[in-house]
Every structure is written in structure tokens, then in C-alpha cells.
């Protein structure tokens, strides 16, 4: 609820176990992050007898939007350790959300056997007012989504090569139609390599624009394109019971 605590816990500095907590799962996640932060910096918390930490979430909890990765980044800053190293010791994902947490704009992120790197890029498309983000009201655990992907994906090296090319082309796409074509190609590739069904096919087959899954497929948000503007998009998704529709300007800082 807005303005109310979404999680509270007292923890032991001995092993980071909760003395009291409002959510056991979150406490276990926090324990894992703090333990790994100490492994990376043995001096972290060594001089503390106690402390009070408060964080604030600037959007509804069920939106996702990389909130756990952002928390990992904040703890890494506090512990004076590399945020990506802390993430890889804690989670199984690519680390992309963590890179976004400490970047000041759009990034192109690489996670391969040879390198993990990110580069800030210029992405400010002239058709951005035709891009919209719709909350599906279906919060998906990112780690579970990653596990499902890793279990399902086939011929990963070929998929990564194809997706990399699409990413490069999206960055320089000069028109909405070109951008839409690349999004559709991306959805088709993921579907063909994993067996996952495209969300437009399963839920929005009558929509007259392109719909792109974001994050864990079938998860928190989708991106939709439309030449017809915000009112049309709100009317369509509202008819499906989905009333949180954000413009590009609303979503992208």
C-alpha cells in the first residue's frame, strides 16, 4: 500500500538470520546478499554493533522493474564491492538489471563466456510516443523465469548471435515499422528456441499493433506499439481488465 512499509525485519549480525520479519522469503534473500557481500569484503559490517537501514520503493511492489537487482546494487555500494560480482554470487541471471541500476541511461549489455560488460548508448527514438507499457497484474519471480528459460532454451549460441544482431538493429531503427518488425522477429526467435508461446498469440491476438514480452515471459509488463495513441491503447487493454498503461515518457527516466 502506498506510504506503508512493504517489508520490515530485524536481523542478527552474527549470521544475518532474521530475529523478526514480516516475510521469511525476503529475509532469506537479504541474508544471502549480505553474506555474499561479506565474502567479497570481510571488513563490511565488522565495525558495526547495530544499524537501521531504510529503503523506499517508488512504484507498486508488484510491478517488479528490477527492484531486487537494485537492492543488490545498493548493498554493493554500501559494502564497497563490485555490484555485478555480488549479483553473480547471489543470483543466476544475466546481471543486466544491475547494470541498469548504476547506469545513467540506456545500455547495451554483454554477458558471454569471454566478457561481461556494458556500454551506455544513445536510444531516443523519434517514435517513442507510440510505445506503451502495460502492467499485466501477473507478478513473476525473475529467478523462476530464468530457471524456466535455461531449462527450455535450445541451441543457445545461435539464439544469442541472432538476438545480438536484432539488438544492434533496434538501436538504429529509424521508423516505427522497422522497430515493430524487429520486435516481432525477437518474439519469434525466443518462441522457436524455447517453445514458449508468444503473449500476443495467447492473450491479445486481436490487437492491431505489436506486443513484446518484457523480463520473464508472461510476467510483469509488456510493451505495445500503436499509431493510434494513448486513448486507443487504454481502451483496448482496459477492455481486457488491464488498466495500468504507461507511456514511454512515464516509464523511461
C-alpha atoms as a PDB file:
ATOM      1  CA  UNK A   1       0.000   0.000   0.000  1.00  0.00           C
ATOM      2  CA  UNK A   2       1.308   3.470  -0.871  1.00  0.00           C
ATOM      3  CA  UNK A   3       3.172   5.086   2.005  1.00  0.00           C
ATOM      4  CA  UNK A   4       3.135   1.906   4.108  1.00  0.00           C
ATOM      5  CA  UNK A   5       6.046  -0.442   4.912  1.00  0.00           C
ATOM      6  CA  UNK A   6       6.185  -3.361   2.472  1.00  0.00           C
ATOM      7  CA  UNK A   7       8.783  -5.276   4.480  1.00  0.00           C
ATOM      8  CA  UNK A   8      10.324  -4.993   7.931  1.00  0.00           C
ATOM      9  CA  UNK A   9      12.909  -7.182   9.638  1.00  0.00           C
ATOM     10  CA  UNK A  10      15.422  -7.261  12.460  1.00  0.00           C
ATOM     11  CA  UNK A  11      18.478  -9.370  11.677  1.00  0.00           C
ATOM     12  CA  UNK A  12      21.362 -10.854  13.605  1.00  0.00           C
ATOM     13  CA  UNK A  13      24.780  -9.504  12.663  1.00  0.00           C
ATOM     14  CA  UNK A  14      26.226 -12.907  13.511  1.00  0.00           C
ATOM     15  CA  UNK A  15      24.739 -14.831  10.591  1.00  0.00           C
ATOM     16  CA  UNK A  16      22.140 -12.388   9.167  1.00  0.00           C
ATOM     17  CA  UNK A  17      19.255 -14.621  10.202  1.00  0.00           C
ATOM     18  CA  UNK A  18      16.023 -12.762  10.967  1.00  0.00           C
ATOM     19  CA  UNK A  19      15.207 -12.116  14.609  1.00  0.00           C
ATOM     20  CA  UNK A  20      11.817 -10.902  13.459  1.00  0.00           C
ATOM     21  CA  UNK A  21      10.428 -10.468   9.973  1.00  0.00           C
ATOM     22  CA  UNK A  22       7.255  -9.771   8.041  1.00  0.00           C
ATOM     23  CA  UNK A  23       8.330 -12.026   5.159  1.00  0.00           C
ATOM     24  CA  UNK A  24      10.535 -15.119   5.517  1.00  0.00           C
ATOM     25  CA  UNK A  25      11.341 -15.336   1.783  1.00  0.00           C
ATOM     26  CA  UNK A  26      12.567 -11.753   1.590  1.00  0.00           C
ATOM     27  CA  UNK A  27      14.616 -12.300   4.751  1.00  0.00           C
ATOM     28  CA  UNK A  28      16.291 -15.339   3.209  1.00  0.00           C
ATOM     29  CA  UNK A  29      17.131 -13.324   0.090  1.00  0.00           C
ATOM     30  CA  UNK A  30      18.546 -10.494   2.211  1.00  0.00           C
ATOM     31  CA  UNK A  31      20.583 -12.973   4.267  1.00  0.00           C
ATOM     32  CA  UNK A  32      22.104 -14.414   1.099  1.00  0.00           C
ATOM     33  CA  UNK A  33      23.002 -10.973  -0.281  1.00  0.00           C
ATOM     34  CA  UNK A  34      24.595  -9.789   2.970  1.00  0.00           C
ATOM     35  CA  UNK A  35      26.595 -12.998   3.433  1.00  0.00           C
ATOM     36  CA  UNK A  36      27.985 -12.694  -0.075  1.00  0.00           C
ATOM     37  CA  UNK A  37      28.791  -9.019   0.461  1.00  0.00           C
ATOM     38  CA  UNK A  38      30.895 -10.016   3.498  1.00  0.00           C
ATOM     39  CA  UNK A  39      32.619 -12.716   1.450  1.00  0.00           C
ATOM     40  CA  UNK A  40      33.634 -10.050  -1.055  1.00  0.00           C
ATOM     41  CA  UNK A  41      34.668  -7.553   1.633  1.00  0.00           C
ATOM     42  CA  UNK A  42      35.497  -9.086   5.010  1.00  0.00           C
ATOM     43  CA  UNK A  43      35.575  -5.604   6.598  1.00  0.00           C
ATOM     44  CA  UNK A  44      31.949  -4.944   5.699  1.00  0.00           C
ATOM     45  CA  UNK A  45      29.897  -4.508   8.917  1.00  0.00           C
ATOM     46  CA  UNK A  46      32.885  -5.505  11.077  1.00  0.00           C
ATOM     47  CA  UNK A  47      32.822  -2.155  12.890  1.00  0.00           C
ATOM     48  CA  UNK A  48      29.065  -2.114  13.453  1.00  0.00           C
ATOM     49  CA  UNK A  49      27.242  -3.011  16.661  1.00  0.00           C
ATOM     50  CA  UNK A  50      23.902  -2.207  15.099  1.00  0.00           C
ATOM     51  CA  UNK A  51      22.290  -0.094  12.427  1.00  0.00           C
ATOM     52  CA  UNK A  52      18.979   0.905  10.900  1.00  0.00           C
ATOM     53  CA  UNK A  53      18.554   0.809   7.131  1.00  0.00           C
ATOM     54  CA  UNK A  54      15.553   2.145   5.250  1.00  0.00           C
ATOM     55  CA  UNK A  55      14.864   1.933   1.515  1.00  0.00           C
ATOM     56  CA  UNK A  56      11.954   3.362  -0.423  1.00  0.00           C
ATOM     57  CA  UNK A  57      10.227   1.840  -3.424  1.00  0.00           C
ATOM     58  CA  UNK A  58       8.958   4.430  -5.898  1.00  0.00           C
ATOM     59  CA  UNK A  59       6.466   2.202  -7.687  1.00  0.00           C
ATOM     60  CA  UNK A  60       3.976  -0.527  -6.702  1.00  0.00           C
ATOM     61  CA  UNK A  61       5.695  -3.651  -5.412  1.00  0.00           C
ATOM     62  CA  UNK A  62       4.031  -5.963  -7.928  1.00  0.00           C
ATOM     63  CA  UNK A  63       5.472  -4.003 -10.863  1.00  0.00           C
ATOM     64  CA  UNK A  64       8.854  -5.692 -10.493  1.00  0.00           C
ATOM     65  CA  UNK A  65      11.069  -3.430 -12.607  1.00  0.00           C
ATOM     66  CA  UNK A  66      14.324  -4.849 -11.232  1.00  0.00           C
ATOM     67  CA  UNK A  67      13.656  -3.998  -7.585  1.00  0.00           C
ATOM     68  CA  UNK A  68      15.698  -6.937  -6.226  1.00  0.00           C
ATOM     69  CA  UNK A  69      18.629  -6.158  -8.542  1.00  0.00           C
ATOM     70  CA  UNK A  70      18.504  -2.532  -7.458  1.00  0.00           C
ATOM     71  CA  UNK A  71      18.653  -3.648  -3.825  1.00  0.00           C
ATOM     72  CA  UNK A  72      21.713  -5.769  -4.621  1.00  0.00           C
ATOM     73  CA  UNK A  73      23.328  -2.731  -6.236  1.00  0.00           C
ATOM     74  CA  UNK A  74      22.592  -0.557  -3.189  1.00  0.00           C
ATOM     75  CA  UNK A  75      24.048  -3.143  -0.805  1.00  0.00           C
ATOM     76  CA  UNK A  76      27.118  -3.446  -3.057  1.00  0.00           C
ATOM     77  CA  UNK A  77      27.615   0.322  -2.867  1.00  0.00           C
ATOM     78  CA  UNK A  78      27.271   0.191   0.914  1.00  0.00           C
ATOM     79  CA  UNK A  79      29.713  -2.724   1.176  1.00  0.00           C
ATOM     80  CA  UNK A  80      32.108  -1.148  -1.354  1.00  0.00           C
ATOM     81  CA  UNK A  81      32.138  -4.221  -3.600  1.00  0.00           C
ATOM     82  CA  UNK A  82      31.537  -4.736  -7.312  1.00  0.00           C
ATOM     83  CA  UNK A  83      27.748  -4.845  -7.869  1.00  0.00           C
ATOM     84  CA  UNK A  84      27.951  -7.416 -10.658  1.00  0.00           C
ATOM     85  CA  UNK A  85      30.202  -9.720  -8.638  1.00  0.00           C
ATOM     86  CA  UNK A  86      27.735  -9.560  -5.756  1.00  0.00           C
ATOM     87  CA  UNK A  87      24.864 -10.287  -8.122  1.00  0.00           C
ATOM     88  CA  UNK A  88      26.561 -13.325  -9.699  1.00  0.00           C
ATOM     89  CA  UNK A  89      27.291 -14.740  -6.241  1.00  0.00           C
ATOM     90  CA  UNK A  90      23.638 -14.312  -5.318  1.00  0.00           C
ATOM     91  CA  UNK A  91      21.532 -14.880  -8.432  1.00  0.00           C
ATOM     92  CA  UNK A  92      21.587 -16.838 -11.705  1.00  0.00           C
ATOM     93  CA  UNK A  93      20.529 -14.167 -14.195  1.00  0.00           C
ATOM     94  CA  UNK A  94      22.499 -12.129 -16.700  1.00  0.00           C
ATOM     95  CA  UNK A  95      23.141  -9.147 -14.415  1.00  0.00           C
ATOM     96  CA  UNK A  96      21.524  -6.765 -16.881  1.00  0.00           C
ATOM     97  CA  UNK A  97      19.184  -5.257 -14.264  1.00  0.00           C
ATOM     98  CA  UNK A  98      22.156  -4.478 -12.013  1.00  0.00           C
ATOM     99  CA  UNK A  99      23.956  -2.703 -14.853  1.00  0.00           C
ATOM    100  CA  UNK A 100      20.793  -0.648 -15.388  1.00  0.00           C
ATOM    101  CA  UNK A 101      20.733   0.243 -11.684  1.00  0.00           C
ATOM    102  CA  UNK A 102      24.085   2.030 -11.843  1.00  0.00           C
ATOM    103  CA  UNK A 103      23.796   3.438 -15.376  1.00  0.00           C
ATOM    104  CA  UNK A 104      22.524   6.901 -16.149  1.00  0.00           C
ATOM    105  CA  UNK A 105      20.830   5.998 -19.411  1.00  0.00           C
ATOM    106  CA  UNK A 106      20.205   3.184 -21.914  1.00  0.00           C
ATOM    107  CA  UNK A 107      22.821   0.434 -22.002  1.00  0.00           C
ATOM    108  CA  UNK A 108      23.909  -2.330 -24.326  1.00  0.00           C
ATOM    109  CA  UNK A 109      24.865  -5.233 -22.097  1.00  0.00           C
ATOM    110  CA  UNK A 110      27.052  -8.236 -22.936  1.00  0.00           C
ATOM    111  CA  UNK A 111      27.275 -11.398 -20.836  1.00  0.00           C
ATOM    112  CA  UNK A 112      29.269 -14.071 -22.629  1.00  0.00           C
ATOM    113  CA  UNK A 113      31.895 -16.674 -21.703  1.00  0.00           C
ATOM    114  CA  UNK A 114      34.516 -14.141 -22.773  1.00  0.00           C
ATOM    115  CA  UNK A 115      33.254 -10.963 -21.145  1.00  0.00           C
ATOM    116  CA  UNK A 116      30.678  -9.211 -19.013  1.00  0.00           C
ATOM    117  CA  UNK A 117      30.420  -5.569 -19.988  1.00  0.00           C
ATOM    118  CA  UNK A 118      28.024  -2.734 -20.611  1.00  0.00           C
ATOM    119  CA  UNK A 119      28.134   0.329 -22.791  1.00  0.00           C
ATOM    120  CA  UNK A 120      25.910   3.355 -22.433  1.00  0.00           C
ATOM    121  CA  UNK A 121      24.193   4.005 -25.756  1.00  0.00           C
ATOM    122  CA  UNK A 122      22.042   6.675 -27.325  1.00  0.00           C
ATOM    123  CA  UNK A 123      18.464   5.434 -27.699  1.00  0.00           C
ATOM    124  CA  UNK A 124      15.918   8.201 -28.104  1.00  0.00           C
ATOM    125  CA  UNK A 125      13.663   7.078 -30.971  1.00  0.00           C
ATOM    126  CA  UNK A 126      11.533   9.633 -32.772  1.00  0.00           C
ATOM    127  CA  UNK A 127       8.582   7.224 -32.484  1.00  0.00           C
ATOM    128  CA  UNK A 128       8.827   6.907 -28.696  1.00  0.00           C
ATOM    129  CA  UNK A 129       5.387   8.488 -28.237  1.00  0.00           C
ATOM    130  CA  UNK A 130       3.984   5.385 -29.959  1.00  0.00           C
ATOM    131  CA  UNK A 131       5.448   2.988 -27.381  1.00  0.00           C
ATOM    132  CA  UNK A 132       3.451   1.973 -24.301  1.00  0.00           C
ATOM    133  CA  UNK A 133       3.971  -0.282 -21.277  1.00  0.00           C
ATOM    134  CA  UNK A 134       1.107  -2.320 -19.869  1.00  0.00           C
ATOM    135  CA  UNK A 135       1.134  -3.986 -16.472  1.00  0.00           C
ATOM    136  CA  UNK A 136      -0.305  -7.488 -16.675  1.00  0.00           C
ATOM    137  CA  UNK A 137      -1.028  -7.868 -12.973  1.00  0.00           C
ATOM    138  CA  UNK A 138       0.860 -11.155 -13.036  1.00  0.00           C
ATOM    139  CA  UNK A 139       3.991 -10.800 -10.902  1.00  0.00           C
ATOM    140  CA  UNK A 140       6.518 -13.450 -11.954  1.00  0.00           C
ATOM    141  CA  UNK A 141       9.528 -14.405  -9.846  1.00  0.00           C
ATOM    142  CA  UNK A 142      12.509 -13.462 -12.025  1.00  0.00           C
ATOM    143  CA  UNK A 143      14.617 -16.347 -10.742  1.00  0.00           C
ATOM    144  CA  UNK A 144      11.880 -18.834 -11.577  1.00  0.00           C
ATOM    145  CA  UNK A 145      11.568 -17.250 -15.012  1.00  0.00           C
ATOM    146  CA  UNK A 146      15.319 -17.626 -15.550  1.00  0.00           C
ATOM    147  CA  UNK A 147      15.182 -21.292 -14.500  1.00  0.00           C
ATOM    148  CA  UNK A 148      12.346 -21.966 -16.930  1.00  0.00           C
ATOM    149  CA  UNK A 149      14.256 -20.260 -19.737  1.00  0.00           C
ATOM    150  CA  UNK A 150      17.505 -22.127 -19.052  1.00  0.00           C
ATOM    151  CA  UNK A 151      15.608 -25.404 -18.927  1.00  0.00           C
ATOM    152  CA  UNK A 152      13.727 -24.726 -22.168  1.00  0.00           C
ATOM    153  CA  UNK A 153      16.227 -22.950 -24.419  1.00  0.00           C
ATOM    154  CA  UNK A 154      17.739 -24.888 -27.314  1.00  0.00           C
ATOM    155  CA  UNK A 155      20.807 -24.013 -29.419  1.00  0.00           C
ATOM    156  CA  UNK A 156      21.661 -21.114 -27.143  1.00  0.00           C
ATOM    157  CA  UNK A 157      24.747 -19.930 -29.046  1.00  0.00           C
ATOM    158  CA  UNK A 158      22.774 -19.461 -32.262  1.00  0.00           C
ATOM    159  CA  UNK A 159      19.999 -17.697 -30.357  1.00  0.00           C
ATOM    160  CA  UNK A 160      22.440 -15.295 -28.689  1.00  0.00           C
ATOM    161  CA  UNK A 161      24.035 -14.448 -32.037  1.00  0.00           C
ATOM    162  CA  UNK A 162      20.647 -13.721 -33.619  1.00  0.00           C
ATOM    163  CA  UNK A 163      19.393 -11.689 -30.655  1.00  0.00           C
ATOM    164  CA  UNK A 164      22.619  -9.645 -30.631  1.00  0.00           C
ATOM    165  CA  UNK A 165      22.045  -8.693 -34.271  1.00  0.00           C
ATOM    166  CA  UNK A 166      18.440  -7.700 -33.530  1.00  0.00           C
ATOM    167  CA  UNK A 167      19.611  -5.576 -30.593  1.00  0.00           C
ATOM    168  CA  UNK A 168      22.073  -3.728 -32.804  1.00  0.00           C
ATOM    169  CA  UNK A 169      19.400  -3.144 -35.435  1.00  0.00           C
ATOM    170  CA  UNK A 170      16.820  -1.937 -32.882  1.00  0.00           C
ATOM    171  CA  UNK A 171      19.229   0.689 -31.612  1.00  0.00           C
ATOM    172  CA  UNK A 172      19.360   2.338 -35.035  1.00  0.00           C
ATOM    173  CA  UNK A 173      15.832   1.609 -36.270  1.00  0.00           C
ATOM    174  CA  UNK A 174      14.628   4.784 -37.961  1.00  0.00           C
ATOM    175  CA  UNK A 175      10.892   4.145 -38.116  1.00  0.00           C
ATOM    176  CA  UNK A 176       8.164   2.538 -36.062  1.00  0.00           C
ATOM    177  CA  UNK A 177       7.502  -0.075 -38.750  1.00  0.00           C
ATOM    178  CA  UNK A 178      11.171  -1.106 -38.756  1.00  0.00           C
ATOM    179  CA  UNK A 179      11.172  -1.241 -34.951  1.00  0.00           C
ATOM    180  CA  UNK A 180       7.985  -3.339 -34.940  1.00  0.00           C
ATOM    181  CA  UNK A 181       9.422  -5.787 -37.442  1.00  0.00           C
ATOM    182  CA  UNK A 182      12.468  -6.320 -35.222  1.00  0.00           C
ATOM    183  CA  UNK A 183      10.309  -6.829 -32.114  1.00  0.00           C
ATOM    184  CA  UNK A 184       8.272  -9.466 -33.915  1.00  0.00           C
ATOM    185  CA  UNK A 185      11.437 -11.187 -35.055  1.00  0.00           C
ATOM    186  CA  UNK A 186      12.717 -11.183 -31.465  1.00  0.00           C
ATOM    187  CA  UNK A 187       9.476 -12.721 -30.129  1.00  0.00           C
ATOM    188  CA  UNK A 188       9.524 -15.369 -32.828  1.00  0.00           C
ATOM    189  CA  UNK A 189      13.128 -16.319 -32.098  1.00  0.00           C
ATOM    190  CA  UNK A 190      12.537 -16.736 -28.360  1.00  0.00           C
ATOM    191  CA  UNK A 191       9.399 -18.766 -29.045  1.00  0.00           C
ATOM    192  CA  UNK A 192      11.125 -21.054 -31.543  1.00  0.00           C
ATOM    193  CA  UNK A 193      14.144 -21.679 -29.287  1.00  0.00           C
ATOM    194  CA  UNK A 194      12.200 -22.254 -26.051  1.00  0.00           C
ATOM    195  CA  UNK A 195       8.742 -23.476 -27.013  1.00  0.00           C
ATOM    196  CA  UNK A 196       7.240 -20.587 -25.008  1.00  0.00           C
ATOM    197  CA  UNK A 197       4.075 -19.176 -26.557  1.00  0.00           C
ATOM    198  CA  UNK A 198       4.048 -15.544 -27.632  1.00  0.00           C
ATOM    199  CA  UNK A 199       1.854 -13.477 -25.360  1.00  0.00           C
ATOM    200  CA  UNK A 200       0.136 -11.733 -28.246  1.00  0.00           C
ATOM    201  CA  UNK A 201      -0.952 -15.092 -29.626  1.00  0.00           C
ATOM    202  CA  UNK A 202      -2.289 -16.290 -26.288  1.00  0.00           C
ATOM    203  CA  UNK A 203      -3.910 -13.124 -24.915  1.00  0.00           C
ATOM    204  CA  UNK A 204      -4.051 -10.263 -27.416  1.00  0.00           C
ATOM    205  CA  UNK A 205      -4.402 -11.786 -30.870  1.00  0.00           C
ATOM    206  CA  UNK A 206      -6.863  -9.066 -31.981  1.00  0.00           C
ATOM    207  CA  UNK A 207      -4.552  -6.172 -31.067  1.00  0.00           C
ATOM    208  CA  UNK A 208      -3.639  -4.044 -34.100  1.00  0.00           C
ATOM    209  CA  UNK A 209      -0.044  -3.267 -33.035  1.00  0.00           C
ATOM    210  CA  UNK A 210       2.954  -5.259 -31.860  1.00  0.00           C
ATOM    211  CA  UNK A 211       3.215  -6.626 -28.316  1.00  0.00           C
ATOM    212  CA  UNK A 212       6.598  -7.537 -26.829  1.00  0.00           C
ATOM    213  CA  UNK A 213       7.129  -9.569 -23.665  1.00  0.00           C
ATOM    214  CA  UNK A 214       9.499  -7.980 -21.140  1.00  0.00           C
ATOM    215  CA  UNK A 215      11.545  -9.654 -18.430  1.00  0.00           C
ATOM    216  CA  UNK A 216      10.276 -13.151 -17.662  1.00  0.00           C
ATOM    217  CA  UNK A 217       7.882 -14.099 -20.450  1.00  0.00           C
ATOM    218  CA  UNK A 218       4.286 -13.667 -19.330  1.00  0.00           C
ATOM    219  CA  UNK A 219       5.495 -11.582 -16.410  1.00  0.00           C
ATOM    220  CA  UNK A 220       5.016  -8.106 -15.080  1.00  0.00           C
ATOM    221  CA  UNK A 221       4.878  -5.874 -18.154  1.00  0.00           C
ATOM    222  CA  UNK A 222       4.575  -5.953 -21.914  1.00  0.00           C
ATOM    223  CA  UNK A 223       5.439  -3.221 -24.382  1.00  0.00           C
ATOM    224  CA  UNK A 224       2.885  -2.379 -27.036  1.00  0.00           C
ATOM    225  CA  UNK A 225       3.174  -0.193 -30.121  1.00  0.00           C
ATOM    226  CA  UNK A 226       0.371   1.884 -31.566  1.00  0.00           C
ATOM    227  CA  UNK A 227      -0.051   4.586 -34.172  1.00  0.00           C
ATOM    228  CA  UNK A 228      -3.420   5.468 -32.627  1.00  0.00           C
ATOM    229  CA  UNK A 229      -2.276   6.979 -29.350  1.00  0.00           C
ATOM    230  CA  UNK A 230      -2.735   6.517 -25.641  1.00  0.00           C
ATOM    231  CA  UNK A 231      -6.545   6.644 -25.604  1.00  0.00           C
ATOM    232  CA  UNK A 232      -6.802   3.764 -28.062  1.00  0.00           C
ATOM    233  CA  UNK A 233      -4.267   1.697 -26.115  1.00  0.00           C
ATOM    234  CA  UNK A 234      -6.020   2.351 -22.794  1.00  0.00           C
ATOM    235  CA  UNK A 235      -9.378   1.444 -24.293  1.00  0.00           C
ATOM    236  CA  UNK A 236      -8.129  -1.834 -25.736  1.00  0.00           C
ATOM    237  CA  UNK A 237      -6.254  -3.061 -22.676  1.00  0.00           C
ATOM    238  CA  UNK A 238      -8.925  -1.702 -20.338  1.00  0.00           C
ATOM    239  CA  UNK A 239     -11.396  -3.987 -22.112  1.00  0.00           C
ATOM    240  CA  UNK A 240      -9.108  -6.851 -21.061  1.00  0.00           C
ATOM    241  CA  UNK A 241      -9.159  -5.713 -17.429  1.00  0.00           C
ATOM    242  CA  UNK A 242      -5.678  -4.161 -17.636  1.00  0.00           C
ATOM    243  CA  UNK A 243      -5.827  -0.535 -16.546  1.00  0.00           C
ATOM    244  CA  UNK A 244      -2.178   0.364 -15.901  1.00  0.00           C
ATOM    245  CA  UNK A 245      -0.902   1.785 -19.184  1.00  0.00           C
ATOM    246  CA  UNK A 246       2.260   3.890 -19.100  1.00  0.00           C
ATOM    247  CA  UNK A 247       3.710   5.997 -21.877  1.00  0.00           C
ATOM    248  CA  UNK A 248       7.396   5.819 -22.804  1.00  0.00           C
ATOM    249  CA  UNK A 249       7.896   9.171 -21.055  1.00  0.00           C
ATOM    250  CA  UNK A 250       6.241   7.824 -17.885  1.00  0.00           C
ATOM    251  CA  UNK A 251       8.386   4.684 -17.781  1.00  0.00           C
ATOM    252  CA  UNK A 252      11.792   5.802 -19.045  1.00  0.00           C
ATOM    253  CA  UNK A 253      13.692   8.304 -16.900  1.00  0.00           C
END
